[in-house]
C-alpha atoms as a PDB file:
ATOM      1  CA  MET A   1      10.996 -28.142 -30.908  1.00  0.00           C
ATOM      2  CA  ALA A   2      10.973 -30.079 -33.720  1.00  0.00           C
ATOM      3  CA  THR A   3      13.417 -32.104 -32.548  1.00  0.00           C
ATOM      4  CA  THR A   4      11.691 -33.141 -29.476  1.00  0.00           C
ATOM      5  CA  LYS A   5       8.489 -33.691 -31.148  1.00  0.00           C
ATOM      6  CA  ARG A   6      10.089 -36.536 -33.500  1.00  0.00           C
ATOM      7  CA  PHE A   7      11.963 -37.753 -30.640  1.00  0.00           C
ATOM      8  CA  PRO A   8       9.614 -37.721 -27.433  1.00  0.00           C
ATOM      9  CA  TRP A   9      11.702 -39.748 -25.421  1.00  0.00           C
ATOM     10  CA  LEU A  10      14.554 -37.198 -25.684  1.00  0.00           C
ATOM     11  CA  ALA A  11      11.672 -34.405 -24.229  1.00  0.00           C
ATOM     12  CA  ALA A  12      10.902 -36.513 -21.429  1.00  0.00           C
ATOM     13  CA  LEU A  13      15.010 -37.028 -20.501  1.00  0.00           C
ATOM     14  CA  LEU A  14      15.460 -33.334 -20.934  1.00  0.00           C
ATOM     15  CA  THR A  15      12.589 -32.444 -18.643  1.00  0.00           C
ATOM     16  CA  ALA A  16      13.543 -35.082 -15.999  1.00  0.00           C
ATOM     17  CA  LEU A  17      17.100 -33.275 -15.792  1.00  0.00           C
ATOM     18  CA  GLY A  18      15.640 -30.360 -14.991  1.00  0.00           C
ATOM     19  CA  PHE A  19      15.380 -28.499 -18.628  1.00  0.00           C
ATOM     20  CA  SER A  20      11.617 -27.556 -18.176  1.00  0.00           C
ATOM     21  CA  GLY A  21       9.950 -26.422 -21.385  1.00  0.00           C
ATOM     22  CA  ASN A  22       6.196 -27.608 -20.509  1.00  0.00           C
ATOM     23  CA  ALA A  23       3.426 -25.775 -19.720  1.00  0.00           C
ATOM     24  CA  HIS A  24       2.597 -27.393 -16.561  1.00  0.00           C
ATOM     25  CA  ALA A  25       1.819 -24.865 -13.823  1.00  0.00           C
ATOM     26  CA  GLN A  26       4.786 -24.676 -10.810  1.00  0.00           C
ATOM     27  CA  ILE A  27       4.371 -24.095  -7.813  1.00  0.00           C
ATOM     28  CA  ALA A  28       4.726 -20.283  -7.166  1.00  0.00           C
ATOM     29  CA  VAL A  29       7.224 -18.610  -4.451  1.00  0.00           C
ATOM     30  CA  GLY A  30       4.452 -17.625  -1.446  1.00  0.00           C
ATOM     31  CA  ASP A  31       2.466 -20.636  -1.899  1.00  0.00           C
ATOM     32  CA  MET A  32       1.700 -22.963   1.020  1.00  0.00           C
ATOM     33  CA  ALA A  33       4.175 -26.551   0.563  1.00  0.00           C
ATOM     34  CA  PRO A  34       2.116 -29.072  -0.063  1.00  0.00           C
ATOM     35  CA  GLU A  35       1.813 -31.445   2.673  1.00  0.00           C
ATOM     36  CA  PHE A  36       3.510 -35.058   2.752  1.00  0.00           C
ATOM     37  CA  ARG A  37       4.333 -37.770   4.989  1.00  0.00           C
ATOM     38  CA  LEU A  38       6.998 -40.651   3.777  1.00  0.00           C
ATOM     39  CA  GLN A  39       9.553 -42.647   5.344  1.00  0.00           C
ATOM     40  CA  ASP A  40      13.650 -42.320   5.501  1.00  0.00           C
ATOM     41  CA  GLN A  41      16.412 -44.228   4.974  1.00  0.00           C
ATOM     42  CA  ASN A  42      15.514 -45.682   8.505  1.00  0.00           C
ATOM     43  CA  GLY A  43      12.054 -46.308   8.066  1.00  0.00           C
ATOM     44  CA  GLN A  44      10.789 -43.239  10.187  1.00  0.00           C
ATOM     45  CA  TRP A  45       8.044 -40.889   9.290  1.00  0.00           C
ATOM     46  CA  HIS A  46       8.297 -37.248   8.269  1.00  0.00           C
ATOM     47  CA  THR A  47       5.804 -34.793   7.423  1.00  0.00           C
ATOM     48  CA  LEU A  48       6.351 -31.260   6.134  1.00  0.00           C
ATOM     49  CA  ALA A  49       4.300 -29.975   9.354  1.00  0.00           C
ATOM     50  CA  GLN A  50       6.531 -31.228  12.136  1.00  0.00           C
ATOM     51  CA  TYR A  51       8.861 -28.779  10.368  1.00  0.00           C
ATOM     52  CA  ARG A  52       7.237 -25.771  10.853  1.00  0.00           C
ATOM     53  CA  GLY A  53       9.034 -23.408  12.872  1.00  0.00           C
ATOM     54  CA  ARG A  54      12.338 -24.111  10.785  1.00  0.00           C
ATOM     55  CA  TRP A  55      13.556 -23.536   7.178  1.00  0.00           C
ATOM     56  CA  THR A  56      13.392 -26.357   5.192  1.00  0.00           C
ATOM     57  CA  ALA A  57      15.695 -27.322   1.889  1.00  0.00           C
ATOM     58  CA  LEU A  58      13.634 -29.741   0.609  1.00  0.00           C
ATOM     59  CA  TYR A  59      15.444 -31.259  -2.426  1.00  0.00           C
ATOM     60  CA  PHE A  60      14.162 -33.386  -4.843  1.00  0.00           C
ATOM     61  CA  TYR A  61      16.601 -35.517  -6.882  1.00  0.00           C
ATOM     62  CA  PRO A  62      16.426 -38.299  -9.919  1.00  0.00           C
ATOM     63  CA  LYS A  63      18.230 -41.251  -8.336  1.00  0.00           C
ATOM     64  CA  ASP A  64      20.478 -43.002  -5.460  1.00  0.00           C
ATOM     65  CA  GLN A  65      23.761 -43.702  -6.373  1.00  0.00           C
ATOM     66  CA  THR A  66      24.153 -41.701  -9.557  1.00  0.00           C
ATOM     67  CA  PRO A  67      27.083 -39.296  -9.923  1.00  0.00           C
ATOM     68  CA  GLY A  68      24.992 -35.791  -9.910  1.00  0.00           C
ATOM     69  CA  CYS A  69      22.964 -37.146  -7.124  1.00  0.00           C
ATOM     70  CA  THR A  70      25.784 -38.454  -5.210  1.00  0.00           C
ATOM     71  CA  LYS A  71      27.630 -34.754  -5.720  1.00  0.00           C
ATOM     72  CA  GLU A  72      24.371 -32.683  -4.755  1.00  0.00           C
ATOM     73  CA  ALA A  73      24.156 -35.082  -1.719  1.00  0.00           C
ATOM     74  CA  CYS A  74      27.822 -35.156  -0.436  1.00  0.00           C
ATOM     75  CA  SER A  75      27.817 -31.388  -1.054  1.00  0.00           C
ATOM     76  CA  PHE A  76      24.590 -30.805   1.426  1.00  0.00           C
ATOM     77  CA  ARG A  77      26.636 -33.208   3.803  1.00  0.00           C
ATOM     78  CA  ASP A  78      29.998 -31.471   3.344  1.00  0.00           C
ATOM     79  CA  ASN A  79      27.837 -28.211   4.631  1.00  0.00           C
ATOM     80  CA  ILE A  80      25.451 -29.714   7.151  1.00  0.00           C
ATOM     81  CA  PHE A  81      26.907 -27.419   9.695  1.00  0.00           C
ATOM     82  CA  ALA A  82      26.409 -24.167   8.220  1.00  0.00           C
ATOM     83  CA  PHE A  83      22.878 -25.478   7.985  1.00  0.00           C
ATOM     84  CA  GLU A  84      22.406 -26.453  11.374  1.00  0.00           C
ATOM     85  CA  GLU A  85      24.007 -22.967  12.556  1.00  0.00           C
ATOM     86  CA  ILE A  86      20.838 -21.211  11.116  1.00  0.00           C
ATOM     87  CA  GLY A  87      18.388 -23.770  11.953  1.00  0.00           C
ATOM     88  CA  ALA A  88      17.660 -25.139   8.815  1.00  0.00           C
ATOM     89  CA  VAL A  89      16.911 -28.771   7.913  1.00  0.00           C
ATOM     90  CA  ILE A  90      17.732 -30.539   4.596  1.00  0.00           C
ATOM     91  CA  LEU A  91      15.470 -33.057   2.995  1.00  0.00           C
ATOM     92  CA  GLY A  92      16.424 -34.930   0.263  1.00  0.00           C
ATOM     93  CA  VAL A  93      13.584 -36.888  -1.941  1.00  0.00           C
ATOM     94  CA  SER A  94      13.788 -39.083  -4.468  1.00  0.00           C
ATOM     95  CA  LEU A  95      11.454 -42.013  -6.013  1.00  0.00           C
ATOM     96  CA  ASP A  96      13.654 -44.887  -5.123  1.00  0.00           C
ATOM     97  CA  ASN A  97      12.646 -47.234  -1.905  1.00  0.00           C
ATOM     98  CA  VAL A  98      13.636 -46.902   1.676  1.00  0.00           C
ATOM     99  CA  LYS A  99      16.102 -49.865   1.272  1.00  0.00           C
ATOM    100  CA  SER A 100      17.807 -48.193  -1.537  1.00  0.00           C
ATOM    101  CA  HIS A 101      18.302 -44.733   0.581  1.00  0.00           C
ATOM    102  CA  GLU A 102      19.574 -46.819   3.266  1.00  0.00           C
ATOM    103  CA  GLU A 103      22.373 -47.716   1.470  1.00  0.00           C
ATOM    104  CA  PHE A 104      23.219 -44.567  -0.175  1.00  0.00           C
ATOM    105  CA  ALA A 105      23.047 -42.922   2.857  1.00  0.00           C
ATOM    106  CA  LYS A 106      24.977 -45.357   4.925  1.00  0.00           C
ATOM    107  CA  LYS A 107      27.672 -45.661   1.812  1.00  0.00           C
ATOM    108  CA  TYR A 108      28.284 -41.779   1.853  1.00  0.00           C
ATOM    109  CA  SER A 109      27.373 -40.898   5.414  1.00  0.00           C
ATOM    110  CA  LEU A 110      24.559 -38.399   4.643  1.00  0.00           C
ATOM    111  CA  PRO A 111      23.383 -37.087   8.119  1.00  0.00           C
ATOM    112  CA  PHE A 112      19.966 -35.933   6.947  1.00  0.00           C
ATOM    113  CA  SER A 113      17.079 -37.429   5.818  1.00  0.00           C
ATOM    114  CA  LEU A 114      16.701 -39.165   2.583  1.00  0.00           C
ATOM    115  CA  LEU A 115      12.663 -39.507   2.140  1.00  0.00           C
ATOM    116  CA  SER A 116      11.079 -41.964  -0.213  1.00  0.00           C
ATOM    117  CA  ASP A 117       8.462 -41.151  -2.862  1.00  0.00           C
ATOM    118  CA  THR A 118       8.069 -44.787  -4.403  1.00  0.00           C
ATOM    119  CA  ASP A 119       4.823 -44.120  -5.613  1.00  0.00           C
ATOM    120  CA  GLY A 120       5.283 -40.290  -6.934  1.00  0.00           C
ATOM    121  CA  SER A 121       2.620 -38.415  -5.184  1.00  0.00           C
ATOM    122  CA  VAL A 122       4.768 -36.178  -3.195  1.00  0.00           C
ATOM    123  CA  ALA A 123       7.263 -35.081  -6.350  1.00  0.00           C
ATOM    124  CA  LYS A 124       3.591 -35.099  -8.445  1.00  0.00           C
ATOM    125  CA  SER A 125       2.122 -32.670  -5.667  1.00  0.00           C
ATOM    126  CA  TYR A 126       5.524 -30.405  -6.198  1.00  0.00           C
ATOM    127  CA  ASN A 127       5.361 -30.552 -10.022  1.00  0.00           C
ATOM    128  CA  VAL A 128       8.410 -32.358 -10.214  1.00  0.00           C
ATOM    129  CA  LEU A 129       7.317 -35.776 -11.432  1.00  0.00           C
ATOM    130  CA  THR A 130       8.473 -36.924 -14.875  1.00  0.00           C
ATOM    131  CA  ASP A 131       7.589 -39.986 -16.758  1.00  0.00           C
ATOM    132  CA  LEU A 132       9.980 -41.460 -19.088  1.00  0.00           C
ATOM    133  CA  LYS A 133       8.135 -44.429 -20.034  1.00  0.00           C
ATOM    134  CA  VAL A 134      10.120 -47.135 -19.056  1.00  0.00           C
ATOM    135  CA  MET A 135      10.591 -45.061 -15.180  1.00  0.00           C
ATOM    136  CA  LYS A 136       9.558 -42.320 -13.344  1.00  0.00           C
ATOM    137  CA  LEU A 137      11.765 -39.765 -11.795  1.00  0.00           C
ATOM    138  CA  ALA A 138      11.847 -36.852  -9.596  1.00  0.00           C
ATOM    139  CA  LYS A 139      13.346 -33.637 -11.617  1.00  0.00           C
ATOM    140  CA  ARG A 140      16.160 -32.148 -10.047  1.00  0.00           C
ATOM    141  CA  GLN A 141      14.874 -29.181  -8.235  1.00  0.00           C
ATOM    142  CA  THR A 142      14.647 -27.390  -4.815  1.00  0.00           C
ATOM    143  CA  PHE A 143      12.320 -25.872  -2.773  1.00  0.00           C
ATOM    144  CA  LEU A 144      13.348 -23.721   0.133  1.00  0.00           C
ATOM    145  CA  ILE A 145      10.199 -23.695   2.737  1.00  0.00           C
ATOM    146  CA  GLY A 146      10.071 -20.888   4.856  1.00  0.00           C
ATOM    147  CA  PRO A 147       8.941 -21.481   8.793  1.00  0.00           C
ATOM    148  CA  ASP A 148       5.461 -20.371   8.144  1.00  0.00           C
ATOM    149  CA  GLY A 149       5.224 -23.618   5.540  1.00  0.00           C
ATOM    150  CA  LYS A 150       5.086 -21.211   2.576  1.00  0.00           C
ATOM    151  CA  ILE A 151       8.019 -21.378  -0.126  1.00  0.00           C
ATOM    152  CA  ALA A 152      10.146 -18.515   0.019  1.00  0.00           C
ATOM    153  CA  LYS A 153      12.360 -19.703  -3.335  1.00  0.00           C
ATOM    154  CA  HIS A 154      12.243 -22.434  -5.924  1.00  0.00           C
ATOM    155  CA  TYR A 155      15.112 -23.603  -7.874  1.00  0.00           C
ATOM    156  CA  GLU A 156      14.204 -25.251 -10.936  1.00  0.00           C
ATOM    157  CA  SER A 157      17.609 -25.191 -12.472  1.00  0.00           C
ATOM    158  CA  VAL A 158      20.318 -26.859  -9.892  1.00  0.00           C
ATOM    159  CA  ASP A 159      23.930 -27.267 -10.600  1.00  0.00           C
ATOM    160  CA  PRO A 160      24.790 -30.310  -8.297  1.00  0.00           C
ATOM    161  CA  GLU A 161      28.402 -28.694  -7.580  1.00  0.00           C
ATOM    162  CA  LYS A 162      27.277 -25.447  -6.575  1.00  0.00           C
ATOM    163  CA  HIS A 163      23.656 -25.831  -5.198  1.00  0.00           C
ATOM    164  CA  THR A 164      24.423 -26.047  -1.487  1.00  0.00           C
ATOM    165  CA  ALA A 165      26.417 -23.114  -1.345  1.00  0.00           C
ATOM    166  CA  GLU A 166      23.503 -21.142  -3.142  1.00  0.00           C
ATOM    167  CA  VAL A 167      21.155 -22.082  -1.195  1.00  0.00           C
ATOM    168  CA  LEU A 168      23.163 -21.148   2.057  1.00  0.00           C
ATOM    169  CA  ALA A 169      23.332 -17.624   0.180  1.00  0.00           C
ATOM    170  CA  ASP A 170      19.608 -17.419  -0.321  1.00  0.00           C
ATOM    171  CA  LEU A 171      18.524 -18.912   3.206  1.00  0.00           C
ATOM    172  CA  LYS A 172      21.030 -16.110   5.049  1.00  0.00           C
ATOM    173  CA  ALA A 173      19.510 -13.268   2.530  1.00  0.00           C
ATOM    174  CA  LEU A 174      16.178 -14.463   3.278  1.00  0.00           C
ATOM    175  CA  GLY A 175      16.887 -13.938   7.536  1.00  0.00           C
ATOM    176  CA  ALA A 176      17.585 -17.554   8.310  1.00  0.00           C
ATOM    177  CA  LYS A 177      18.788 -17.761  11.899  1.00  0.00           C
ATOM    178  CA  LYS A 178      18.903 -20.472  14.316  1.00  0.00           C
ATOM    179  CA  ALA A 179      15.476 -19.338  16.841  1.00  0.00           C
ATOM    180  CA  SER A 180      17.182 -19.073  20.623  1.00  0.00           C
END
């Protein structure tokens, strides 16, 4: 696109918002999800391995306390019982620090873990890191990870208001149910 070549900052912004037009390889459905070790808003460490055996909705988002990210987080919060009913875990990831996550989670009573990826290494391993020159952000994308640790679904385009319903429907279609 000629416009984005003349205005590289526009291309970076579009990429950060989830409009992909880059040639970078994405993680494919069926691939093993990249492992991570990150702290949540309470300072507790989380690894992907500890969620093996459960469905995991790993959602990346650009920034705490922003309108779209707040809508998305609150939608997951408002549907937490539906996720728990099928034994699914929700994990949010951004490049914000633990303190920022703590304030965000407290302000909106978020009952799931927000993981702090301050160096962007996890976002990079999932190919969702974008560099806006003045700051780095995670693109708004979600990965459904099956109990086997493989990516079952990748959402590259996310509408923060409708995404939770889409994820729940897909989890049910994929056969997610709580182990007895």
